[in-house]
C-alpha atoms as a PDB file:
ATOM      1  CA  MET A   1     -75.784-102.684  18.965  1.00  0.00           C
ATOM      2  CA  SER A   2     -79.371-103.803  19.573  1.00  0.00           C
ATOM      3  CA  PRO A   3     -81.181-101.552  21.999  1.00  0.00           C
ATOM      4  CA  MET A   4     -81.465-102.530  25.619  1.00  0.00           C
ATOM      5  CA  PRO A   5     -85.026-102.678  26.989  1.00  0.00           C
ATOM      6  CA  ALA A   6     -86.294-100.153  29.522  1.00  0.00           C
ATOM      7  CA  PRO A   7     -85.124 -99.207  32.074  1.00  0.00           C
ATOM      8  CA  TYR A   8     -81.638-100.159  30.916  1.00  0.00           C
ATOM      9  CA  ASP A   9     -81.892 -97.887  27.868  1.00  0.00           C
ATOM     10  CA  ALA A  10     -82.195 -94.620  29.830  1.00  0.00           C
ATOM     11  CA  ALA A  11     -80.310 -91.868  28.005  1.00  0.00           C
ATOM     12  CA  GLU A  12     -80.225 -89.654  31.086  1.00  0.00           C
ATOM     13  CA  PRO A  13     -78.948 -90.678  34.513  1.00  0.00           C
ATOM     14  CA  ALA A  14     -81.448 -91.307  37.312  1.00  0.00           C
ATOM     15  CA  THR A  15     -80.692 -88.654  39.925  1.00  0.00           C
ATOM     16  CA  SER A  16     -83.038 -90.204  42.483  1.00  0.00           C
ATOM     17  CA  CYS A  17     -84.223 -93.721  43.251  1.00  0.00           C
ATOM     18  CA  ARG A  18     -86.635 -95.111  40.671  1.00  0.00           C
ATOM     19  CA  ILE A  19     -88.842 -98.193  41.093  1.00  0.00           C
ATOM     20  CA  THR A  20     -89.968-100.068  37.975  1.00  0.00           C
ATOM     21  CA  GLU A  21     -90.450-103.452  36.335  1.00  0.00           C
ATOM     22  CA  ALA A  22     -87.574-104.799  34.253  1.00  0.00           C
ATOM     23  CA  PRO A  23     -87.363-107.795  31.914  1.00  0.00           C
ATOM     24  CA  GLU A  24     -84.889-110.640  32.245  1.00  0.00           C
ATOM     25  CA  ILE A  25     -81.732-109.964  30.199  1.00  0.00           C
ATOM     26  CA  THR A  26     -79.611-112.695  28.577  1.00  0.00           C
ATOM     27  CA  THR A  27     -75.920-112.355  29.473  1.00  0.00           C
ATOM     28  CA  ALA A  28     -72.488-113.867  28.878  1.00  0.00           C
ATOM     29  CA  VAL A  29     -70.390-113.767  32.047  1.00  0.00           C
ATOM     30  CA  VAL A  30     -67.350-114.823  33.999  1.00  0.00           C
ATOM     31  CA  VAL A  31     -68.525-116.206  37.368  1.00  0.00           C
ATOM     32  CA  GLN A  32     -66.325-115.960  40.457  1.00  0.00           C
ATOM     33  CA  HIS A  33     -66.949-117.146  44.025  1.00  0.00           C
ATOM     34  CA  ASP A  34     -65.055-115.746  47.014  1.00  0.00           C
ATOM     35  CA  PHE A  35     -63.122-113.487  44.642  1.00  0.00           C
ATOM     36  CA  PRO A  36     -60.763-111.102  46.501  1.00  0.00           C
ATOM     37  CA  MET A  37     -62.001-107.516  46.252  1.00  0.00           C
ATOM     38  CA  TYR A  38     -58.433-106.195  46.015  1.00  0.00           C
ATOM     39  CA  ASP A  39     -58.034-108.132  42.738  1.00  0.00           C
ATOM     40  CA  MET A  40     -61.215-106.736  41.126  1.00  0.00           C
ATOM     41  CA  PRO A  41     -59.317-104.604  38.535  1.00  0.00           C
ATOM     42  CA  ALA A  42     -57.586-107.754  37.236  1.00  0.00           C
ATOM     43  CA  LEU A  43     -60.938-109.552  36.904  1.00  0.00           C
ATOM     44  CA  MET A  44     -62.527-106.628  35.073  1.00  0.00           C
ATOM     45  CA  ASP A  45     -59.560-106.098  32.739  1.00  0.00           C
ATOM     46  CA  GLY A  46     -59.114-109.833  32.126  1.00  0.00           C
ATOM     47  CA  THR A  47     -62.787-110.146  31.216  1.00  0.00           C
ATOM     48  CA  PHE A  48     -63.674-106.967  29.351  1.00  0.00           C
ATOM     49  CA  SER A  49     -60.489-106.755  27.279  1.00  0.00           C
ATOM     50  CA  HIS A  50     -61.297-110.123  25.625  1.00  0.00           C
ATOM     51  CA  LEU A  51     -65.006-110.880  26.001  1.00  0.00           C
ATOM     52  CA  ALA A  52     -66.508-108.972  23.044  1.00  0.00           C
ATOM     53  CA  GLU A  53     -64.056-110.588  20.620  1.00  0.00           C
ATOM     54  CA  ALA A  54     -64.688-114.087  22.024  1.00  0.00           C
ATOM     55  CA  LEU A  55     -68.449-113.566  21.703  1.00  0.00           C
ATOM     56  CA  ALA A  56     -68.129-112.229  18.142  1.00  0.00           C
ATOM     57  CA  ALA A  57     -66.364-115.458  17.167  1.00  0.00           C
ATOM     58  CA  GLN A  58     -69.576-117.245  18.270  1.00  0.00           C
ATOM     59  CA  GLY A  59     -71.839-114.842  16.362  1.00  0.00           C
ATOM     60  CA  ILE A  60     -73.032-113.199  19.598  1.00  0.00           C
ATOM     61  CA  ARG A  61     -73.057-109.432  20.128  1.00  0.00           C
ATOM     62  CA  PRO A  62     -73.141-107.342  23.295  1.00  0.00           C
ATOM     63  CA  ILE A  63     -76.307-105.224  23.377  1.00  0.00           C
ATOM     64  CA  GLY A  64     -75.368-103.023  26.306  1.00  0.00           C
ATOM     65  CA  PRO A  65     -72.579-101.901  28.588  1.00  0.00           C
ATOM     66  CA  ALA A  66     -70.355-104.052  30.750  1.00  0.00           C
ATOM     67  CA  PHE A  67     -71.828-104.995  34.121  1.00  0.00           C
ATOM     68  CA  SER A  68     -71.186-106.826  37.358  1.00  0.00           C
ATOM     69  CA  LEU A  69     -73.881-108.716  39.269  1.00  0.00           C
ATOM     70  CA  HIS A  70     -73.395-109.578  42.944  1.00  0.00           C
ATOM     71  CA  HIS A  71     -75.022-112.530  44.708  1.00  0.00           C
ATOM     72  CA  ARG A  72     -74.096-111.231  48.178  1.00  0.00           C
ATOM     73  CA  ALA A  73     -72.673-108.073  49.691  1.00  0.00           C
ATOM     74  CA  PRO A  74     -68.944-107.910  48.978  1.00  0.00           C
ATOM     75  CA  VAL A  75     -66.668-107.436  51.956  1.00  0.00           C
ATOM     76  CA  ALA A  76     -63.179-108.924  51.586  1.00  0.00           C
ATOM     77  CA  THR A  77     -64.457-111.218  48.823  1.00  0.00           C
ATOM     78  CA  ALA A  78     -67.347-111.270  46.370  1.00  0.00           C
ATOM     79  CA  ASP A  79     -69.586-113.821  44.654  1.00  0.00           C
ATOM     80  CA  LEU A  80     -70.234-112.177  41.322  1.00  0.00           C
ATOM     81  CA  GLU A  81     -70.713-112.329  37.580  1.00  0.00           C
ATOM     82  CA  VAL A  82     -69.042-109.876  35.193  1.00  0.00           C
ATOM     83  CA  GLY A  83     -69.901-109.662  31.521  1.00  0.00           C
ATOM     84  CA  PHE A  84     -72.197-108.184  28.902  1.00  0.00           C
ATOM     85  CA  PRO A  85     -75.894-108.377  28.073  1.00  0.00           C
ATOM     86  CA  VAL A  86     -76.041-110.194  24.730  1.00  0.00           C
ATOM     87  CA  ASP A  87     -78.334-110.637  21.738  1.00  0.00           C
ATOM     88  CA  ALA A  88     -78.394-114.464  21.899  1.00  0.00           C
ATOM     89  CA  PRO A  89     -77.794-117.102  24.581  1.00  0.00           C
ATOM     90  CA  LEU A  90     -74.279-118.485  24.929  1.00  0.00           C
ATOM     91  CA  THR A  91     -74.716-122.264  24.801  1.00  0.00           C
ATOM     92  CA  GLU A  92     -71.119-123.367  25.329  1.00  0.00           C
ATOM     93  CA  THR A  93     -68.312-122.414  27.690  1.00  0.00           C
ATOM     94  CA  LEU A  94     -65.666-120.104  26.239  1.00  0.00           C
ATOM     95  CA  GLU A  95     -62.143-119.641  27.575  1.00  0.00           C
ATOM     96  CA  LEU A  96     -60.635-116.169  27.423  1.00  0.00           C
ATOM     97  CA  PRO A  97     -56.894-115.516  26.909  1.00  0.00           C
ATOM     98  CA  SER A  98     -56.879-114.412  30.572  1.00  0.00           C
ATOM     99  CA  ASP A  99     -57.915-118.019  31.475  1.00  0.00           C
ATOM    100  CA  TYR A 100     -61.343-116.931  32.711  1.00  0.00           C
ATOM    101  CA  GLU A 101     -64.259-119.086  31.542  1.00  0.00           C
ATOM    102  CA  VAL A 102     -67.378-117.469  30.079  1.00  0.00           C
ATOM    103  CA  ILE A 103     -70.847-119.008  30.423  1.00  0.00           C
ATOM    104  CA  GLY A 104     -74.395-118.001  29.581  1.00  0.00           C
ATOM    105  CA  SER A 105     -76.444-116.445  32.367  1.00  0.00           C
ATOM    106  CA  SER A 106     -79.065-113.740  32.887  1.00  0.00           C
ATOM    107  CA  ILE A 107     -79.973-110.672  34.881  1.00  0.00           C
ATOM    108  CA  PRO A 108     -83.289-111.456  36.565  1.00  0.00           C
ATOM    109  CA  GLY A 109     -86.482-109.727  35.593  1.00  0.00           C
ATOM    110  CA  GLY A 110     -88.950-108.340  38.083  1.00  0.00           C
ATOM    111  CA  ARG A 111     -89.527-105.345  40.273  1.00  0.00           C
ATOM    112  CA  ILE A 112     -86.309-103.346  40.644  1.00  0.00           C
ATOM    113  CA  ALA A 113     -84.946-100.135  42.091  1.00  0.00           C
ATOM    114  CA  TRP A 114     -82.262 -98.151  40.305  1.00  0.00           C
ATOM    115  CA  ILE A 115     -80.234 -94.948  40.437  1.00  0.00           C
ATOM    116  CA  SER A 116     -77.184 -93.527  38.649  1.00  0.00           C
ATOM    117  CA  HIS A 117     -73.769 -92.645  40.051  1.00  0.00           C
ATOM    118  CA  ILE A 118     -71.744 -89.987  38.259  1.00  0.00           C
ATOM    119  CA  GLY A 119     -68.109 -90.042  39.299  1.00  0.00           C
ATOM    120  CA  ALA A 120     -65.132 -92.271  39.914  1.00  0.00           C
ATOM    121  CA  TYR A 121     -65.602 -95.907  40.884  1.00  0.00           C
ATOM    122  CA  GLY A 122     -64.194 -95.066  44.327  1.00  0.00           C
ATOM    123  CA  GLY A 123     -67.480 -93.318  45.133  1.00  0.00           C
ATOM    124  CA  LEU A 124     -69.663 -96.349  44.425  1.00  0.00           C
ATOM    125  CA  ALA A 125     -69.748 -97.670  48.011  1.00  0.00           C
ATOM    126  CA  GLU A 126     -71.074 -94.340  49.292  1.00  0.00           C
ATOM    127  CA  LYS A 127     -73.655 -94.205  46.484  1.00  0.00           C
ATOM    128  CA  TRP A 128     -74.799 -97.761  47.281  1.00  0.00           C
ATOM    129  CA  GLY A 129     -75.288 -96.715  50.909  1.00  0.00           C
ATOM    130  CA  ALA A 130     -77.403 -93.704  49.939  1.00  0.00           C
ATOM    131  CA  PHE A 131     -79.328 -95.805  47.405  1.00  0.00           C
ATOM    132  CA  THR A 132     -80.092 -98.477  50.017  1.00  0.00           C
ATOM    133  CA  GLU A 133     -81.394 -95.774  52.346  1.00  0.00           C
ATOM    134  CA  GLN A 134     -83.619 -94.283  49.615  1.00  0.00           C
ATOM    135  CA  VAL A 135     -85.062 -97.701  48.785  1.00  0.00           C
ATOM    136  CA  GLY A 136     -85.867 -98.292  52.462  1.00  0.00           C
ATOM    137  CA  GLU A 137     -87.523 -94.883  52.745  1.00  0.00           C
ATOM    138  CA  SER A 138     -89.765 -95.798  49.800  1.00  0.00           C
ATOM    139  CA  ASP A 139     -91.086 -98.805  51.763  1.00  0.00           C
ATOM    140  CA  GLU A 140     -89.406-101.264  49.392  1.00  0.00           C
ATOM    141  CA  GLN A 141     -87.149-104.194  50.331  1.00  0.00           C
ATOM    142  CA  MET A 142     -83.906-104.866  48.453  1.00  0.00           C
ATOM    143  CA  THR A 143     -82.873-108.463  47.840  1.00  0.00           C
ATOM    144  CA  TYR A 144     -80.131-110.256  45.937  1.00  0.00           C
ATOM    145  CA  PRO A 145     -78.836-110.008  43.370  1.00  0.00           C
ATOM    146  CA  PHE A 146     -77.828-106.414  42.800  1.00  0.00           C
ATOM    147  CA  TRP A 147     -75.893-105.188  39.776  1.00  0.00           C
ATOM    148  CA  GLU A 148     -74.032-102.281  38.196  1.00  0.00           C
ATOM    149  CA  PHE A 149     -73.990-101.235  34.547  1.00  0.00           C
ATOM    150  CA  TYR A 150     -70.831 -99.321  33.600  1.00  0.00           C
ATOM    151  CA  VAL A 151     -72.628 -96.978  31.195  1.00  0.00           C
ATOM    152  CA  THR A 152     -69.546 -94.890  30.403  1.00  0.00           C
ATOM    153  CA  GLU A 153     -66.788 -97.009  28.914  1.00  0.00           C
ATOM    154  CA  PRO A 154     -63.577 -95.996  30.698  1.00  0.00           C
ATOM    155  CA  HIS A 155     -60.445 -95.082  28.757  1.00  0.00           C
ATOM    156  CA  PRO A 156     -57.020 -93.834  29.895  1.00  0.00           C
ATOM    157  CA  ASP A 157     -57.514 -90.155  28.959  1.00  0.00           C
ATOM    158  CA  MET A 158     -60.923 -89.631  30.550  1.00  0.00           C
ATOM    159  CA  ASN A 159     -61.850 -87.643  33.613  1.00  0.00           C
ATOM    160  CA  PRO A 160     -63.098 -90.186  36.215  1.00  0.00           C
ATOM    161  CA  ALA A 161     -65.591 -87.593  37.482  1.00  0.00           C
ATOM    162  CA  THR A 162     -67.584 -88.096  34.251  1.00  0.00           C
ATOM    163  CA  LEU A 163     -68.093 -91.864  34.611  1.00  0.00           C
ATOM    164  CA  ARG A 164     -71.728 -93.006  34.774  1.00  0.00           C
ATOM    165  CA  THR A 165     -72.583 -96.231  36.586  1.00  0.00           C
ATOM    166  CA  ASP A 166     -76.217 -97.314  36.953  1.00  0.00           C
ATOM    167  CA  LEU A 167     -76.989 -99.253  40.159  1.00  0.00           C
ATOM    168  CA  PHE A 168     -79.827-101.797  40.285  1.00  0.00           C
ATOM    169  CA  SER A 169     -81.346-104.057  42.929  1.00  0.00           C
ATOM    170  CA  LEU A 170     -84.045-106.663  42.738  1.00  0.00           C
ATOM    171  CA  LEU A 171     -86.906-105.927  45.143  1.00  0.00           C
ATOM    172  CA  GLU A 172     -89.106-108.243  47.183  1.00  0.00           C
ATOM    173  CA  PRO A 173     -92.266-107.581  49.171  1.00  0.00           C
ATOM    174  CA  ARG A 174     -91.507-105.952  52.523  1.00  0.00           C
ATOM    175  CA  ARG A 175     -92.213-108.286  55.412  1.00  0.00           C
END
């Protein structure tokens, strides 16, 4: 796997909010609009169980962990992209066995804030709330999109308390 650029290559979790510049990252993603939040496990499983193999058939390799990128705050539904950062742009649409379509996209570059969450996915909403508060206290302004990198690849026998998810948000000048 090619290395991810900083700050995405951090070996250790960020225990407090960090502000930095980040480059744009090329991605291959499944895009969904108004996707029901209750069906998120099906989207993740239907994407991540097939995506690496579909990309390999095109000569494209993931260079980092699975992620989701949100274009608005999810409530009952979400507008999001799920996929992998990749080593080359995807120039055609791929169809996965789960019937999801994969397209080329990117994670935006620019000034970002980030922090790590260690624990089960059920704790992410609380971590996002604390993260948002920390960003505000640092006199920064979050904007869309925001994204999560699932640094620890889940498997059936693992302890969910050991999962690492890195949370990121694009920043804009405070008004």
